[in-house]
Amino acid sequence: MYPRNEEKMMKKLALAVSLLMVGVFAFAAKASRAEEDGRIIANAEWVVEAHAAHAETFGVRGPAILRVSIMGVKNADKGFRVRVVNAQDLVSCRVAGGTCRELPSWRQESTKAFQQTEKIPSGDWSLLVENNLNVFKRMTVRVFASVRE
C-alpha cells in the first residue's frame, strides 16, 4: 500500500511542476509582450457621449513610438474622429477656431476602426477620440495605446 501512495504523490508532484512551468511561461510571454508594447497609455473601453470626446494624456521625454488601436464596440457604426494633439491645446482643439497643435499624420476624420504605429516627437500629448457624428447616441470604443521611448 505504501508504494502505491508514493506513486500517487509523484504524479501529483509532476502535475504541480507542470502547472507551475505553464504559469512561468505564460508570465514570460506577457512580460515580453509588455516590453514590446512599451508603457501602456490606455487599455480600456471608452464611453463617449454624443458630440463629445474622450482623451488620455501622456508625456514622452524624447522621440518615441506610439502604437494605437481603436475599435468601435457600440453605436460607432457612423464612425469617430481620432487625433493626437498637444496636451496644452486639448480644450481649445474642441472649440471652432481654437488653437490646436496636432500631429497631422495621426488625424483620422471618420473611421469605424483605427490602427497606427508611428514615431512622435517629445512633449506632452493627448490621444483624442471624438464622437462627432452621433447626434443623440453615446458610443463605446475599445482603445489600446502604448508608447515606447
C-alpha atoms as a PDB file:
ATOM      1  CA  MET A   1       0.000   0.000   0.000  1.00  0.00           C
ATOM      2  CA  TYR A   2       2.856   2.387   0.723  1.00  0.00           C
ATOM      3  CA  PRO A   3       4.433   2.218  -2.795  1.00  0.00           C
ATOM      4  CA  ARG A   4       1.036   2.997  -4.354  1.00  0.00           C
ATOM      5  CA  ASN A   5       0.718   6.196  -2.259  1.00  0.00           C
ATOM      6  CA  GLU A   6       4.237   7.185  -3.235  1.00  0.00           C
ATOM      7  CA  GLU A   7       3.337   6.732  -6.910  1.00  0.00           C
ATOM      8  CA  LYS A   8       0.266   8.953  -6.479  1.00  0.00           C
ATOM      9  CA  MET A   9       2.352  11.615  -4.732  1.00  0.00           C
ATOM     10  CA  MET A  10       4.900  11.567  -7.570  1.00  0.00           C
ATOM     11  CA  LYS A  11       2.115  12.014 -10.138  1.00  0.00           C
ATOM     12  CA  LYS A  12       0.669  14.921  -8.162  1.00  0.00           C
ATOM     13  CA  LEU A  13       4.113  16.485  -7.842  1.00  0.00           C
ATOM     14  CA  ALA A  14       4.722  16.102 -11.584  1.00  0.00           C
ATOM     15  CA  LEU A  15       1.357  17.735 -12.306  1.00  0.00           C
ATOM     16  CA  ALA A  16       2.110  20.600  -9.917  1.00  0.00           C
ATOM     17  CA  VAL A  17       5.521  21.192 -11.525  1.00  0.00           C
ATOM     18  CA  SER A  18       3.928  21.128 -14.987  1.00  0.00           C
ATOM     19  CA  LEU A  19       1.314  23.690 -13.977  1.00  0.00           C
ATOM     20  CA  LEU A  20       3.995  25.870 -12.416  1.00  0.00           C
ATOM     21  CA  MET A  21       6.021  25.764 -15.632  1.00  0.00           C
ATOM     22  CA  VAL A  22       2.961  26.679 -17.711  1.00  0.00           C
ATOM     23  CA  GLY A  23       2.405  29.665 -15.426  1.00  0.00           C
ATOM     24  CA  VAL A  24       6.045  30.745 -15.701  1.00  0.00           C
ATOM     25  CA  PHE A  25       5.962  30.541 -19.498  1.00  0.00           C
ATOM     26  CA  ALA A  26       2.645  32.431 -19.663  1.00  0.00           C
ATOM     27  CA  PHE A  27       4.046  35.190 -17.432  1.00  0.00           C
ATOM     28  CA  ALA A  28       7.225  35.393 -19.537  1.00  0.00           C
ATOM     29  CA  ALA A  29       5.150  35.752 -22.703  1.00  0.00           C
ATOM     30  CA  LYS A  30       3.083  38.556 -21.150  1.00  0.00           C
ATOM     31  CA  ALA A  31       6.197  40.314 -19.886  1.00  0.00           C
ATOM     32  CA  SER A  32       7.785  40.036 -23.318  1.00  0.00           C
ATOM     33  CA  ARG A  33       4.659  41.454 -24.988  1.00  0.00           C
ATOM     34  CA  ALA A  34       4.509  44.298 -22.463  1.00  0.00           C
ATOM     35  CA  GLU A  35       8.121  45.124 -23.227  1.00  0.00           C
ATOM     36  CA  GLU A  36       7.300  45.225 -26.956  1.00  0.00           C
ATOM     37  CA  ASP A  37       4.246  47.401 -26.295  1.00  0.00           C
ATOM     38  CA  GLY A  38       6.158  49.792 -24.068  1.00  0.00           C
ATOM     39  CA  ARG A  39       4.312  51.885 -21.491  1.00  0.00           C
ATOM     40  CA  ILE A  40       0.565  51.329 -21.663  1.00  0.00           C
ATOM     41  CA  ILE A  41      -1.361  54.594 -22.039  1.00  0.00           C
ATOM     42  CA  ALA A  42      -4.838  53.115 -22.424  1.00  0.00           C
ATOM     43  CA  ASN A  43      -6.289  49.626 -22.434  1.00  0.00           C
ATOM     44  CA  ALA A  44      -9.999  50.062 -21.834  1.00  0.00           C
ATOM     45  CA  GLU A  45     -13.414  50.698 -23.285  1.00  0.00           C
ATOM     46  CA  TRP A  46     -14.227  54.391 -23.526  1.00  0.00           C
ATOM     47  CA  VAL A  47     -17.842  55.576 -23.491  1.00  0.00           C
ATOM     48  CA  VAL A  48     -18.107  58.884 -25.359  1.00  0.00           C
ATOM     49  CA  GLU A  49     -21.293  60.947 -25.235  1.00  0.00           C
ATOM     50  CA  ALA A  50     -22.829  62.329 -28.465  1.00  0.00           C
ATOM     51  CA  HIS A  51     -20.837  65.314 -29.784  1.00  0.00           C
ATOM     52  CA  ALA A  52     -18.275  64.841 -27.017  1.00  0.00           C
ATOM     53  CA  ALA A  53     -14.741  63.480 -26.742  1.00  0.00           C
ATOM     54  CA  HIS A  54     -12.586  61.339 -24.508  1.00  0.00           C
ATOM     55  CA  ALA A  55      -8.835  61.837 -24.159  1.00  0.00           C
ATOM     56  CA  GLU A  56      -5.862  60.260 -22.449  1.00  0.00           C
ATOM     57  CA  THR A  57      -2.831  62.484 -21.864  1.00  0.00           C
ATOM     58  CA  PHE A  58       0.743  61.223 -21.735  1.00  0.00           C
ATOM     59  CA  GLY A  59       4.257  62.605 -21.980  1.00  0.00           C
ATOM     60  CA  VAL A  60       7.440  61.436 -23.662  1.00  0.00           C
ATOM     61  CA  ARG A  61      10.948  62.721 -22.896  1.00  0.00           C
ATOM     62  CA  GLY A  62      12.326  62.098 -26.360  1.00  0.00           C
ATOM     63  CA  PRO A  63      11.205  60.765 -29.723  1.00  0.00           C
ATOM     64  CA  ALA A  64       9.051  57.686 -29.139  1.00  0.00           C
ATOM     65  CA  ILE A  65       6.976  55.091 -30.964  1.00  0.00           C
ATOM     66  CA  LEU A  66       3.247  55.484 -30.366  1.00  0.00           C
ATOM     67  CA  ARG A  67       1.014  52.495 -31.095  1.00  0.00           C
ATOM     68  CA  VAL A  68      -2.769  52.937 -31.131  1.00  0.00           C
ATOM     69  CA  SER A  69      -5.608  50.550 -31.913  1.00  0.00           C
ATOM     70  CA  ILE A  70      -9.266  51.606 -31.608  1.00  0.00           C
ATOM     71  CA  MET A  71     -12.317  49.508 -32.471  1.00  0.00           C
ATOM     72  CA  GLY A  72     -15.955  50.551 -32.374  1.00  0.00           C
ATOM     73  CA  VAL A  73     -17.957  48.447 -29.902  1.00  0.00           C
ATOM     74  CA  LYS A  74     -21.378  50.086 -29.670  1.00  0.00           C
ATOM     75  CA  ASN A  75     -23.061  52.878 -31.675  1.00  0.00           C
ATOM     76  CA  ALA A  76     -19.816  53.537 -33.564  1.00  0.00           C
ATOM     77  CA  ASP A  77     -21.216  52.498 -36.960  1.00  0.00           C
ATOM     78  CA  LYS A  78     -21.230  56.140 -38.174  1.00  0.00           C
ATOM     79  CA  GLY A  79     -17.562  56.435 -37.280  1.00  0.00           C
ATOM     80  CA  PHE A  80     -15.494  58.621 -34.981  1.00  0.00           C
ATOM     81  CA  ARG A  81     -12.571  61.031 -35.211  1.00  0.00           C
ATOM     82  CA  VAL A  82      -9.093  60.220 -33.837  1.00  0.00           C
ATOM     83  CA  ARG A  83      -6.390  62.821 -33.214  1.00  0.00           C
ATOM     84  CA  VAL A  84      -3.131  63.175 -31.293  1.00  0.00           C
ATOM     85  CA  VAL A  85      -2.939  66.761 -30.070  1.00  0.00           C
ATOM     86  CA  ASN A  86      -0.651  68.845 -27.908  1.00  0.00           C
ATOM     87  CA  ALA A  87      -1.866  68.351 -24.326  1.00  0.00           C
ATOM     88  CA  GLN A  88      -1.925  72.119 -23.661  1.00  0.00           C
ATOM     89  CA  ASP A  89      -4.356  72.567 -26.579  1.00  0.00           C
ATOM     90  CA  LEU A  90      -6.708  69.747 -25.600  1.00  0.00           C
ATOM     91  CA  VAL A  91      -9.627  72.004 -24.638  1.00  0.00           C
ATOM     92  CA  SER A  92      -9.153  74.542 -27.431  1.00  0.00           C
ATOM     93  CA  CYS A  93      -8.986  71.751 -30.038  1.00  0.00           C
ATOM     94  CA  ARG A  94     -12.665  71.100 -29.381  1.00  0.00           C
ATOM     95  CA  VAL A  95     -13.639  74.765 -29.987  1.00  0.00           C
ATOM     96  CA  ALA A  96     -14.095  76.097 -33.522  1.00  0.00           C
ATOM     97  CA  GLY A  97     -11.207  78.416 -34.310  1.00  0.00           C
ATOM     98  CA  GLY A  98      -9.271  77.360 -31.201  1.00  0.00           C
ATOM     99  CA  THR A  99      -5.547  76.658 -31.173  1.00  0.00           C
ATOM    100  CA  CYS A 100      -4.890  73.026 -31.949  1.00  0.00           C
ATOM    101  CA  ARG A 101      -1.354  71.812 -32.454  1.00  0.00           C
ATOM    102  CA  GLU A 102      -1.847  68.236 -33.587  1.00  0.00           C
ATOM    103  CA  LEU A 103       0.214  65.595 -35.337  1.00  0.00           C
ATOM    104  CA  PRO A 104      -1.324  65.636 -38.841  1.00  0.00           C
ATOM    105  CA  SER A 105      -0.360  62.067 -39.687  1.00  0.00           C
ATOM    106  CA  TRP A 106      -2.458  60.884 -36.721  1.00  0.00           C
ATOM    107  CA  ARG A 107      -5.668  62.650 -37.755  1.00  0.00           C
ATOM    108  CA  GLN A 108      -8.374  60.274 -38.938  1.00  0.00           C
ATOM    109  CA  GLU A 109     -11.622  62.077 -39.746  1.00  0.00           C
ATOM    110  CA  SER A 110     -14.252  59.367 -39.822  1.00  0.00           C
ATOM    111  CA  THR A 111     -13.417  55.787 -39.117  1.00  0.00           C
ATOM    112  CA  LYS A 112     -15.026  52.712 -37.632  1.00  0.00           C
ATOM    113  CA  ALA A 113     -11.647  51.239 -36.683  1.00  0.00           C
ATOM    114  CA  PHE A 114      -8.219  52.800 -36.327  1.00  0.00           C
ATOM    115  CA  GLN A 115      -4.764  51.296 -36.085  1.00  0.00           C
ATOM    116  CA  GLN A 116      -1.456  53.111 -36.405  1.00  0.00           C
ATOM    117  CA  THR A 117       2.119  52.879 -35.176  1.00  0.00           C
ATOM    118  CA  GLU A 118       4.398  55.825 -35.762  1.00  0.00           C
ATOM    119  CA  LYS A 119       7.211  57.899 -34.279  1.00  0.00           C
ATOM    120  CA  ILE A 120       6.170  61.014 -32.329  1.00  0.00           C
ATOM    121  CA  PRO A 121       8.300  63.888 -31.011  1.00  0.00           C
ATOM    122  CA  SER A 122       8.957  64.583 -27.336  1.00  0.00           C
ATOM    123  CA  GLY A 123       6.362  66.514 -25.370  1.00  0.00           C
ATOM    124  CA  ASP A 124       3.004  66.173 -23.667  1.00  0.00           C
ATOM    125  CA  TRP A 125       0.339  64.708 -25.944  1.00  0.00           C
ATOM    126  CA  SER A 126      -3.298  63.670 -25.762  1.00  0.00           C
ATOM    127  CA  LEU A 127      -4.930  60.834 -27.654  1.00  0.00           C
ATOM    128  CA  LEU A 128      -8.361  62.240 -28.504  1.00  0.00           C
ATOM    129  CA  VAL A 129     -11.371  60.196 -29.679  1.00  0.00           C
ATOM    130  CA  GLU A 130     -14.365  62.290 -30.728  1.00  0.00           C
ATOM    131  CA  ASN A 131     -17.941  61.100 -31.151  1.00  0.00           C
ATOM    132  CA  ASN A 132     -18.568  63.834 -33.712  1.00  0.00           C
ATOM    133  CA  LEU A 133     -21.109  62.088 -35.978  1.00  0.00           C
ATOM    134  CA  ASN A 134     -23.679  60.753 -33.498  1.00  0.00           C
ATOM    135  CA  VAL A 135     -26.361  63.341 -32.832  1.00  0.00           C
ATOM    136  CA  PHE A 136     -28.097  61.518 -29.975  1.00  0.00           C
ATOM    137  CA  LYS A 137     -26.227  58.332 -29.085  1.00  0.00           C
ATOM    138  CA  ARG A 138     -23.183  57.802 -26.974  1.00  0.00           C
ATOM    139  CA  MET A 139     -20.702  55.333 -28.405  1.00  0.00           C
ATOM    140  CA  THR A 140     -18.325  52.816 -26.920  1.00  0.00           C
ATOM    141  CA  VAL A 141     -14.870  52.151 -28.365  1.00  0.00           C
ATOM    142  CA  ARG A 142     -12.166  49.707 -27.304  1.00  0.00           C
ATOM    143  CA  VAL A 143      -8.839  51.578 -27.032  1.00  0.00           C
ATOM    144  CA  PHE A 144      -5.331  50.218 -26.714  1.00  0.00           C
ATOM    145  CA  ALA A 145      -2.445  52.690 -26.791  1.00  0.00           C
ATOM    146  CA  SER A 146       1.191  52.328 -25.791  1.00  0.00           C
ATOM    147  CA  VAL A 147       4.361  54.327 -26.164  1.00  0.00           C
ATOM    148  CA  ARG A 148       7.922  53.029 -26.339  1.00  0.00           C
ATOM    149  CA  GLU A 149      10.694  55.537 -25.700  1.00  0.00           C
END
